Amino acid sequence: MKKYFGFIFLLFTLFTVPTYSMHIAEGYLPFKWSIFWSVLYLPFFFYGLKKLKSSAKNLEKKQIIALVGAFIFVISAIKLPSVTGSSSHATGIALGAILLGPAEIFVIGAIVLFFQATFLAHGGYTTLGANAISMAVVGAVVAYFIYNFFKNRGKEKIGIFLAAFIGNLATYSCTALQLTLSHGEVNFVESLIKFMSLFAVTQIPLGVVEGIISVILVSILQKEEFIKSDEVIKNV
């Protein structure tokens, strides 16, 4: 089991690239919007914290939580340059939502964002609430329901791929909406299209790659009996 993830971690580390920014950068949101997204995120955080504490009582779940946290941190720290000095990245959120359910990811995703802001200067403290809503909440919920929709119809691998792909796009769609609300007062629709297009060029292929990686990792985990084929927390 360790040999697989050691190789994957090394691969991700070797192929990181220096770019410009990640998530919504510190100070980029007006103060009122920073407060708004932070307050909006708090109910999700406390609900997820309650679920996470319950899951952490189980040793096997602790291992999955640690694995998911490490995976999200590493894969979301790998940035690819997009246009106009921005950058895009995979999220890893779908894998966590598939293995744990979305509630735990509400917290794990925010923890990852906090440490990336602290040690990598990616994102920021004032934009943490906004980034957590887009990546840890919207991405996780979308991925979870897409996965379960297809899994219940006997198409688990398709569900895993689409959960990662669409969950990834949902995160960036939410980010585009957040940026539009903050900086697109003059022409909302035009600004939304502009922000969406900034990430579309790199985010679509990134979503495809993340989908493939997620399918492979879940297959490895099932083969190694780290998780059972039907092991997904049913309660949101």
C-alpha atoms as a PDB file:
ATOM      1  CA  MET A   1       0.000   0.000   0.000  1.00  0.00           C
ATOM      2  CA  LYS A   2       2.713   2.479   0.968  1.00  0.00           C
ATOM      3  CA  LYS A   3       4.674   1.906  -2.239  1.00  0.00           C
ATOM      4  CA  TYR A   4       1.811   3.198  -4.366  1.00  0.00           C
ATOM      5  CA  PHE A   5       1.276   6.412  -2.456  1.00  0.00           C
ATOM      6  CA  GLY A   6       4.990   6.999  -2.021  1.00  0.00           C
ATOM      7  CA  PHE A   7       5.347   6.909  -5.795  1.00  0.00           C
ATOM      8  CA  ILE A   8       2.318   9.139  -6.358  1.00  0.00           C
ATOM      9  CA  PHE A   9       3.504  11.682  -3.791  1.00  0.00           C
ATOM     10  CA  LEU A  10       6.976  11.746  -5.405  1.00  0.00           C
ATOM     11  CA  LEU A  11       5.451  12.165  -8.854  1.00  0.00           C
ATOM     12  CA  PHE A  12       3.330  15.108  -7.740  1.00  0.00           C
ATOM     13  CA  THR A  13       6.284  16.685  -5.963  1.00  0.00           C
ATOM     14  CA  LEU A  14       8.625  16.424  -8.927  1.00  0.00           C
ATOM     15  CA  PHE A  15       6.165  17.957 -11.330  1.00  0.00           C
ATOM     16  CA  THR A  16       5.137  21.006  -9.338  1.00  0.00           C
ATOM     17  CA  VAL A  17       5.621  24.237 -11.229  1.00  0.00           C
ATOM     18  CA  PRO A  18       6.077  27.798 -10.001  1.00  0.00           C
ATOM     19  CA  THR A  19       3.190  30.010 -11.124  1.00  0.00           C
ATOM     20  CA  TYR A  20       1.392  33.105  -9.963  1.00  0.00           C
ATOM     21  CA  SER A  21      -1.450  32.495  -7.550  1.00  0.00           C
ATOM     22  CA  MET A  22      -3.795  29.873  -6.174  1.00  0.00           C
ATOM     23  CA  HIS A  23      -7.352  29.993  -4.856  1.00  0.00           C
ATOM     24  CA  ILE A  24      -8.501  33.580  -4.237  1.00  0.00           C
ATOM     25  CA  ALA A  25      -5.430  35.462  -3.086  1.00  0.00           C
ATOM     26  CA  GLU A  26      -5.077  37.349   0.182  1.00  0.00           C
ATOM     27  CA  GLY A  27      -6.622  40.803   0.022  1.00  0.00           C
ATOM     28  CA  TYR A  28      -8.311  40.241  -3.335  1.00  0.00           C
ATOM     29  CA  LEU A  29     -11.844  40.278  -1.927  1.00  0.00           C
ATOM     30  CA  PRO A  30     -13.401  43.445  -0.487  1.00  0.00           C
ATOM     31  CA  PHE A  31     -13.788  43.274   3.285  1.00  0.00           C
ATOM     32  CA  LYS A  32     -17.585  42.879   3.208  1.00  0.00           C
ATOM     33  CA  TRP A  33     -17.322  39.846   0.918  1.00  0.00           C
ATOM     34  CA  SER A  34     -14.587  38.267   3.033  1.00  0.00           C
ATOM     35  CA  ILE A  35     -16.888  38.525   6.039  1.00  0.00           C
ATOM     36  CA  PHE A  36     -19.894  37.291   4.079  1.00  0.00           C
ATOM     37  CA  TRP A  37     -18.203  34.102   2.834  1.00  0.00           C
ATOM     38  CA  SER A  38     -16.602  33.417   6.218  1.00  0.00           C
ATOM     39  CA  VAL A  39     -19.944  33.681   8.024  1.00  0.00           C
ATOM     40  CA  LEU A  40     -21.636  31.563   5.354  1.00  0.00           C
ATOM     41  CA  TYR A  41     -18.971  28.879   5.797  1.00  0.00           C
ATOM     42  CA  LEU A  42     -19.212  28.603   9.599  1.00  0.00           C
ATOM     43  CA  PRO A  43     -22.348  26.359   9.751  1.00  0.00           C
ATOM     44  CA  PHE A  44     -20.692  23.925   7.333  1.00  0.00           C
ATOM     45  CA  PHE A  45     -17.527  23.922   9.432  1.00  0.00           C
ATOM     46  CA  PHE A  46     -19.270  23.124  12.719  1.00  0.00           C
ATOM     47  CA  TYR A  47     -21.488  20.491  11.115  1.00  0.00           C
ATOM     48  CA  GLY A  48     -18.451  18.877   9.486  1.00  0.00           C
ATOM     49  CA  LEU A  49     -16.467  19.058  12.726  1.00  0.00           C
ATOM     50  CA  LYS A  50     -19.184  17.089  14.507  1.00  0.00           C
ATOM     51  CA  LYS A  51     -19.115  14.414  11.801  1.00  0.00           C
ATOM     52  CA  LEU A  52     -15.320  14.361  11.740  1.00  0.00           C
ATOM     53  CA  LYS A  53     -15.070  13.795  15.486  1.00  0.00           C
ATOM     54  CA  SER A  54     -17.457  10.868  15.179  1.00  0.00           C
ATOM     55  CA  SER A  55     -15.514   9.329  12.284  1.00  0.00           C
ATOM     56  CA  ALA A  56     -12.164   9.780  14.051  1.00  0.00           C
ATOM     57  CA  LYS A  57     -13.244   7.356  16.792  1.00  0.00           C
ATOM     58  CA  ASN A  58     -12.761   4.545  14.274  1.00  0.00           C
ATOM     59  CA  LEU A  59      -9.092   3.643  13.608  1.00  0.00           C
ATOM     60  CA  GLU A  60      -9.702   2.700   9.976  1.00  0.00           C
ATOM     61  CA  LYS A  61     -11.533   5.960   9.377  1.00  0.00           C
ATOM     62  CA  LYS A  62      -8.621   7.844  10.965  1.00  0.00           C
ATOM     63  CA  GLN A  63      -6.318   6.329   8.361  1.00  0.00           C
ATOM     64  CA  ILE A  64      -8.641   7.331   5.538  1.00  0.00           C
ATOM     65  CA  ILE A  65      -8.952  10.853   6.971  1.00  0.00           C
ATOM     66  CA  ALA A  66      -5.144  11.180   7.072  1.00  0.00           C
ATOM     67  CA  LEU A  67      -4.822   9.801   3.552  1.00  0.00           C
ATOM     68  CA  VAL A  68      -7.483  12.130   2.166  1.00  0.00           C
ATOM     69  CA  GLY A  69      -6.001  15.186   3.889  1.00  0.00           C
ATOM     70  CA  ALA A  70      -2.525  14.457   2.516  1.00  0.00           C
ATOM     71  CA  PHE A  71      -3.879  13.802  -0.975  1.00  0.00           C
ATOM     72  CA  ILE A  72      -5.894  17.037  -1.077  1.00  0.00           C
ATOM     73  CA  PHE A  73      -2.938  19.054   0.222  1.00  0.00           C
ATOM     74  CA  VAL A  74      -0.495  17.667  -2.347  1.00  0.00           C
ATOM     75  CA  ILE A  75      -2.666  17.634  -5.458  1.00  0.00           C
ATOM     76  CA  SER A  76      -4.180  21.066  -4.820  1.00  0.00           C
ATOM     77  CA  ALA A  77      -0.715  22.546  -4.324  1.00  0.00           C
ATOM     78  CA  ILE A  78       0.255  21.660  -7.895  1.00  0.00           C
ATOM     79  CA  LYS A  79      -0.544  24.685 -10.019  1.00  0.00           C
ATOM     80  CA  LEU A  80      -0.581  25.079 -13.775  1.00  0.00           C
ATOM     81  CA  PRO A  81      -0.439  28.526 -15.384  1.00  0.00           C
ATOM     82  CA  SER A  82      -3.630  29.773 -16.959  1.00  0.00           C
ATOM     83  CA  VAL A  83      -4.134  33.036 -18.846  1.00  0.00           C
ATOM     84  CA  THR A  84      -3.549  36.615 -17.657  1.00  0.00           C
ATOM     85  CA  GLY A  85      -1.242  35.551 -14.849  1.00  0.00           C
ATOM     86  CA  SER A  86      -3.743  33.319 -13.054  1.00  0.00           C
ATOM     87  CA  SER A  87      -3.347  29.612 -12.373  1.00  0.00           C
ATOM     88  CA  SER A  88      -5.414  26.466 -12.045  1.00  0.00           C
ATOM     89  CA  HIS A  89      -5.065  23.289 -10.039  1.00  0.00           C
ATOM     90  CA  ALA A  90      -6.811  20.027  -9.277  1.00  0.00           C
ATOM     91  CA  THR A  91      -8.560  19.811  -5.901  1.00  0.00           C
ATOM     92  CA  GLY A  92      -8.607  16.182  -4.718  1.00  0.00           C
ATOM     93  CA  ILE A  93     -11.921  16.958  -3.031  1.00  0.00           C
ATOM     94  CA  ALA A  94     -13.913  14.349  -4.950  1.00  0.00           C
ATOM     95  CA  LEU A  95     -11.786  11.473  -3.646  1.00  0.00           C
ATOM     96  CA  GLY A  96     -12.375  12.644  -0.097  1.00  0.00           C
ATOM     97  CA  ALA A  97     -16.117  13.022  -0.636  1.00  0.00           C
ATOM     98  CA  ILE A  98     -16.276   9.524  -2.117  1.00  0.00           C
ATOM     99  CA  LEU A  99     -14.364   7.885   0.740  1.00  0.00           C
ATOM    100  CA  LEU A 100     -15.744   9.893   3.661  1.00  0.00           C
ATOM    101  CA  GLY A 101     -18.818  11.789   2.572  1.00  0.00           C
ATOM    102  CA  PRO A 102     -18.928  15.583   2.108  1.00  0.00           C
ATOM    103  CA  ALA A 103     -19.327  16.676   5.739  1.00  0.00           C
ATOM    104  CA  GLU A 104     -15.811  15.683   6.814  1.00  0.00           C
ATOM    105  CA  ILE A 105     -14.398  17.414   3.741  1.00  0.00           C
ATOM    106  CA  PHE A 106     -15.981  20.681   4.858  1.00  0.00           C
ATOM    107  CA  VAL A 107     -13.367  20.684   7.632  1.00  0.00           C
ATOM    108  CA  ILE A 108     -10.458  18.818   6.023  1.00  0.00           C
ATOM    109  CA  GLY A 109     -10.567  21.094   2.979  1.00  0.00           C
ATOM    110  CA  ALA A 110     -10.466  24.210   5.159  1.00  0.00           C
ATOM    111  CA  ILE A 111      -7.529  22.839   7.162  1.00  0.00           C
ATOM    112  CA  VAL A 112      -5.646  22.229   3.925  1.00  0.00           C
ATOM    113  CA  LEU A 113      -6.431  25.768   2.760  1.00  0.00           C
ATOM    114  CA  PHE A 114      -5.216  27.196   6.075  1.00  0.00           C
ATOM    115  CA  PHE A 115      -1.857  25.390   5.904  1.00  0.00           C
ATOM    116  CA  GLN A 116      -1.388  26.283   2.244  1.00  0.00           C
ATOM    117  CA  ALA A 117      -2.009  29.930   3.083  1.00  0.00           C
ATOM    118  CA  THR A 118       0.411  29.711   6.013  1.00  0.00           C
ATOM    119  CA  PHE A 119       3.310  27.757   4.536  1.00  0.00           C
ATOM    120  CA  LEU A 120       2.929  28.178   0.769  1.00  0.00           C
ATOM    121  CA  ALA A 121       1.358  31.656   0.578  1.00  0.00           C
ATOM    122  CA  HIS A 122      -1.421  30.158  -1.539  1.00  0.00           C
ATOM    123  CA  GLY A 123      -4.805  31.718  -0.924  1.00  0.00           C
ATOM    124  CA  GLY A 124      -5.065  33.723   2.254  1.00  0.00           C
ATOM    125  CA  TYR A 125      -6.641  34.141   5.669  1.00  0.00           C
ATOM    126  CA  THR A 126      -9.181  36.796   4.707  1.00  0.00           C
ATOM    127  CA  THR A 127     -10.247  34.722   1.694  1.00  0.00           C
ATOM    128  CA  LEU A 128     -10.270  31.413   3.571  1.00  0.00           C
ATOM    129  CA  GLY A 129     -14.063  31.394   3.938  1.00  0.00           C
ATOM    130  CA  ALA A 130     -14.611  32.033   0.234  1.00  0.00           C
ATOM    131  CA  ASN A 131     -12.069  29.396  -0.799  1.00  0.00           C
ATOM    132  CA  ALA A 132     -13.547  26.890   1.644  1.00  0.00           C
ATOM    133  CA  ILE A 133     -17.053  27.441   0.263  1.00  0.00           C
ATOM    134  CA  SER A 134     -15.958  26.882  -3.336  1.00  0.00           C
ATOM    135  CA  MET A 135     -13.551  23.988  -2.832  1.00  0.00           C
ATOM    136  CA  ALA A 136     -14.476  22.228   0.410  1.00  0.00           C
ATOM    137  CA  VAL A 137     -18.249  22.728   0.318  1.00  0.00           C
ATOM    138  CA  VAL A 138     -19.480  23.117  -3.266  1.00  0.00           C
ATOM    139  CA  GLY A 139     -16.886  20.760  -4.727  1.00  0.00           C
ATOM    140  CA  ALA A 140     -17.499  18.085  -2.091  1.00  0.00           C
ATOM    141  CA  VAL A 141     -21.308  18.178  -2.257  1.00  0.00           C
ATOM    142  CA  VAL A 142     -21.408  18.090  -6.063  1.00  0.00           C
ATOM    143  CA  ALA A 143     -18.871  15.255  -6.230  1.00  0.00           C
ATOM    144  CA  TYR A 144     -20.656  13.220  -3.554  1.00  0.00           C
ATOM    145  CA  PHE A 145     -24.063  13.295  -5.212  1.00  0.00           C
ATOM    146  CA  ILE A 146     -22.725  12.643  -8.704  1.00  0.00           C
ATOM    147  CA  TYR A 147     -20.757   9.632  -7.450  1.00  0.00           C
ATOM    148  CA  ASN A 148     -23.728   8.156  -5.636  1.00  0.00           C
ATOM    149  CA  PHE A 149     -26.062   8.777  -8.586  1.00  0.00           C
ATOM    150  CA  PHE A 150     -23.934   6.616 -10.870  1.00  0.00           C
ATOM    151  CA  LYS A 151     -22.874   4.105  -8.236  1.00  0.00           C
ATOM    152  CA  ASN A 152     -26.496   3.302  -7.434  1.00  0.00           C
ATOM    153  CA  ARG A 153     -26.917   2.470 -11.120  1.00  0.00           C
ATOM    154  CA  GLY A 154     -23.975   0.078 -11.171  1.00  0.00           C
ATOM    155  CA  LYS A 155     -21.548   2.496 -12.854  1.00  0.00           C
ATOM    156  CA  GLU A 156     -19.118   3.193 -10.043  1.00  0.00           C
ATOM    157  CA  LYS A 157     -16.016   4.001 -12.115  1.00  0.00           C
ATOM    158  CA  ILE A 158     -17.963   6.390 -14.334  1.00  0.00           C
ATOM    159  CA  GLY A 159     -19.308   7.957 -11.146  1.00  0.00           C
ATOM    160  CA  ILE A 160     -15.810   8.404  -9.708  1.00  0.00           C
ATOM    161  CA  PHE A 161     -14.524  10.004 -12.890  1.00  0.00           C
ATOM    162  CA  LEU A 162     -17.475  12.377 -13.290  1.00  0.00           C
ATOM    163  CA  ALA A 163     -17.478  13.229  -9.575  1.00  0.00           C
ATOM    164  CA  ALA A 164     -13.882  14.414  -9.835  1.00  0.00           C
ATOM    165  CA  PHE A 165     -14.347  16.117 -13.204  1.00  0.00           C
ATOM    166  CA  ILE A 166     -17.621  17.927 -12.504  1.00  0.00           C
ATOM    167  CA  GLY A 167     -16.750  18.579  -8.855  1.00  0.00           C
ATOM    168  CA  ASN A 168     -13.567  20.263 -10.054  1.00  0.00           C
ATOM    169  CA  LEU A 169     -15.491  22.461 -12.513  1.00  0.00           C
ATOM    170  CA  ALA A 170     -18.113  23.243  -9.873  1.00  0.00           C
ATOM    171  CA  THR A 171     -15.383  24.574  -7.581  1.00  0.00           C
ATOM    172  CA  TYR A 172     -14.087  26.949 -10.216  1.00  0.00           C
ATOM    173  CA  SER A 173     -17.564  27.984 -11.287  1.00  0.00           C
ATOM    174  CA  CYS A 174     -18.223  28.965  -7.687  1.00  0.00           C
ATOM    175  CA  THR A 175     -14.911  30.837  -7.537  1.00  0.00           C
ATOM    176  CA  ALA A 176     -15.817  32.682 -10.737  1.00  0.00           C
ATOM    177  CA  LEU A 177     -19.163  33.631  -9.206  1.00  0.00           C
ATOM    178  CA  GLN A 178     -17.459  34.857  -6.037  1.00  0.00           C
ATOM    179  CA  LEU A 179     -15.062  37.013  -8.029  1.00  0.00           C
ATOM    180  CA  THR A 180     -17.893  38.357 -10.174  1.00  0.00           C
ATOM    181  CA  LEU A 181     -19.953  39.317  -7.136  1.00  0.00           C
ATOM    182  CA  SER A 182     -16.936  41.144  -5.722  1.00  0.00           C
ATOM    183  CA  HIS A 183     -15.604  42.854  -8.847  1.00  0.00           C
ATOM    184  CA  GLY A 184     -18.276  42.669 -11.519  1.00  0.00           C
ATOM    185  CA  GLU A 185     -20.751  45.298 -10.414  1.00  0.00           C
ATOM    186  CA  VAL A 186     -20.838  47.080 -13.785  1.00  0.00           C
ATOM    187  CA  ASN A 187     -21.827  44.143 -15.993  1.00  0.00           C
ATOM    188  CA  PHE A 188     -22.486  40.968 -14.021  1.00  0.00           C
ATOM    189  CA  VAL A 189     -22.952  38.561 -16.944  1.00  0.00           C
ATOM    190  CA  GLU A 190     -19.950  39.874 -18.860  1.00  0.00           C
ATOM    191  CA  SER A 191     -17.761  39.683 -15.758  1.00  0.00           C
ATOM    192  CA  LEU A 192     -18.940  36.143 -14.947  1.00  0.00           C
ATOM    193  CA  ILE A 193     -18.099  34.960 -18.466  1.00  0.00           C
ATOM    194  CA  LYS A 194     -14.703  36.631 -18.202  1.00  0.00           C
ATOM    195  CA  PHE A 195     -13.822  34.988 -14.885  1.00  0.00           C
ATOM    196  CA  MET A 196     -15.104  31.602 -16.079  1.00  0.00           C
ATOM    197  CA  SER A 197     -12.982  31.818 -19.218  1.00  0.00           C
ATOM    198  CA  LEU A 198      -9.828  32.605 -17.228  1.00  0.00           C
ATOM    199  CA  PHE A 199      -9.749  29.065 -15.846  1.00  0.00           C
ATOM    200  CA  ALA A 200     -11.585  27.091 -18.528  1.00  0.00           C
ATOM    201  CA  VAL A 201      -8.551  26.512 -20.766  1.00  0.00           C
ATOM    202  CA  THR A 202      -6.586  24.655 -18.088  1.00  0.00           C
ATOM    203  CA  GLN A 203      -9.373  23.526 -15.760  1.00  0.00           C
ATOM    204  CA  ILE A 204     -11.166  21.227 -18.207  1.00  0.00           C
ATOM    205  CA  PRO A 205      -8.085  19.071 -18.957  1.00  0.00           C
ATOM    206  CA  LEU A 206      -7.142  19.207 -15.269  1.00  0.00           C
ATOM    207  CA  GLY A 207     -10.594  17.884 -14.393  1.00  0.00           C
ATOM    208  CA  VAL A 208     -10.109  15.002 -16.831  1.00  0.00           C
ATOM    209  CA  VAL A 209      -6.718  14.149 -15.322  1.00  0.00           C
ATOM    210  CA  GLU A 210      -8.083  14.325 -11.781  1.00  0.00           C
ATOM    211  CA  GLY A 211     -10.951  12.060 -12.795  1.00  0.00           C
ATOM    212  CA  ILE A 212      -8.549   9.442 -14.151  1.00  0.00           C
ATOM    213  CA  ILE A 213      -6.300   9.665 -11.082  1.00  0.00           C
ATOM    214  CA  SER A 214      -9.302   9.301  -8.765  1.00  0.00           C
ATOM    215  CA  VAL A 215     -10.497   6.161 -10.561  1.00  0.00           C
ATOM    216  CA  ILE A 216      -7.019   4.640 -10.336  1.00  0.00           C
ATOM    217  CA  LEU A 217      -6.595   5.478  -6.641  1.00  0.00           C
ATOM    218  CA  VAL A 218      -9.986   4.102  -5.616  1.00  0.00           C
ATOM    219  CA  SER A 219      -9.243   0.916  -7.589  1.00  0.00           C
ATOM    220  CA  ILE A 220      -5.886   0.563  -5.807  1.00  0.00           C
ATOM    221  CA  LEU A 221      -7.482   1.135  -2.401  1.00  0.00           C
ATOM    222  CA  GLN A 222     -10.124  -1.489  -3.118  1.00  0.00           C
ATOM    223  CA  LYS A 223      -7.570  -3.965  -4.478  1.00  0.00           C
ATOM    224  CA  GLU A 224      -5.400  -3.551  -1.391  1.00  0.00           C
ATOM    225  CA  GLU A 225      -8.566  -3.906   0.749  1.00  0.00           C
ATOM    226  CA  PHE A 226      -7.842  -0.547   2.333  1.00  0.00           C
ATOM    227  CA  ILE A 227     -11.492   0.193   1.665  1.00  0.00           C
ATOM    228  CA  LYS A 228     -14.366  -2.066   0.670  1.00  0.00           C
ATOM    229  CA  SER A 229     -16.024  -1.651  -2.716  1.00  0.00           C
ATOM    230  CA  ASP A 230     -19.206  -0.378  -1.057  1.00  0.00           C
ATOM    231  CA  GLU A 231     -17.561   1.742   1.638  1.00  0.00           C
ATOM    232  CA  VAL A 232     -19.001   5.203   1.312  1.00  0.00           C
ATOM    233  CA  ILE A 233     -20.635   7.004   4.185  1.00  0.00           C
ATOM    234  CA  LYS A 234     -24.282   7.256   3.236  1.00  0.00           C
ATOM    235  CA  ASN A 235     -25.271  10.074   5.543  1.00  0.00           C
ATOM    236  CA  VAL A 236     -24.372  13.528   4.309  1.00  0.00           C
END
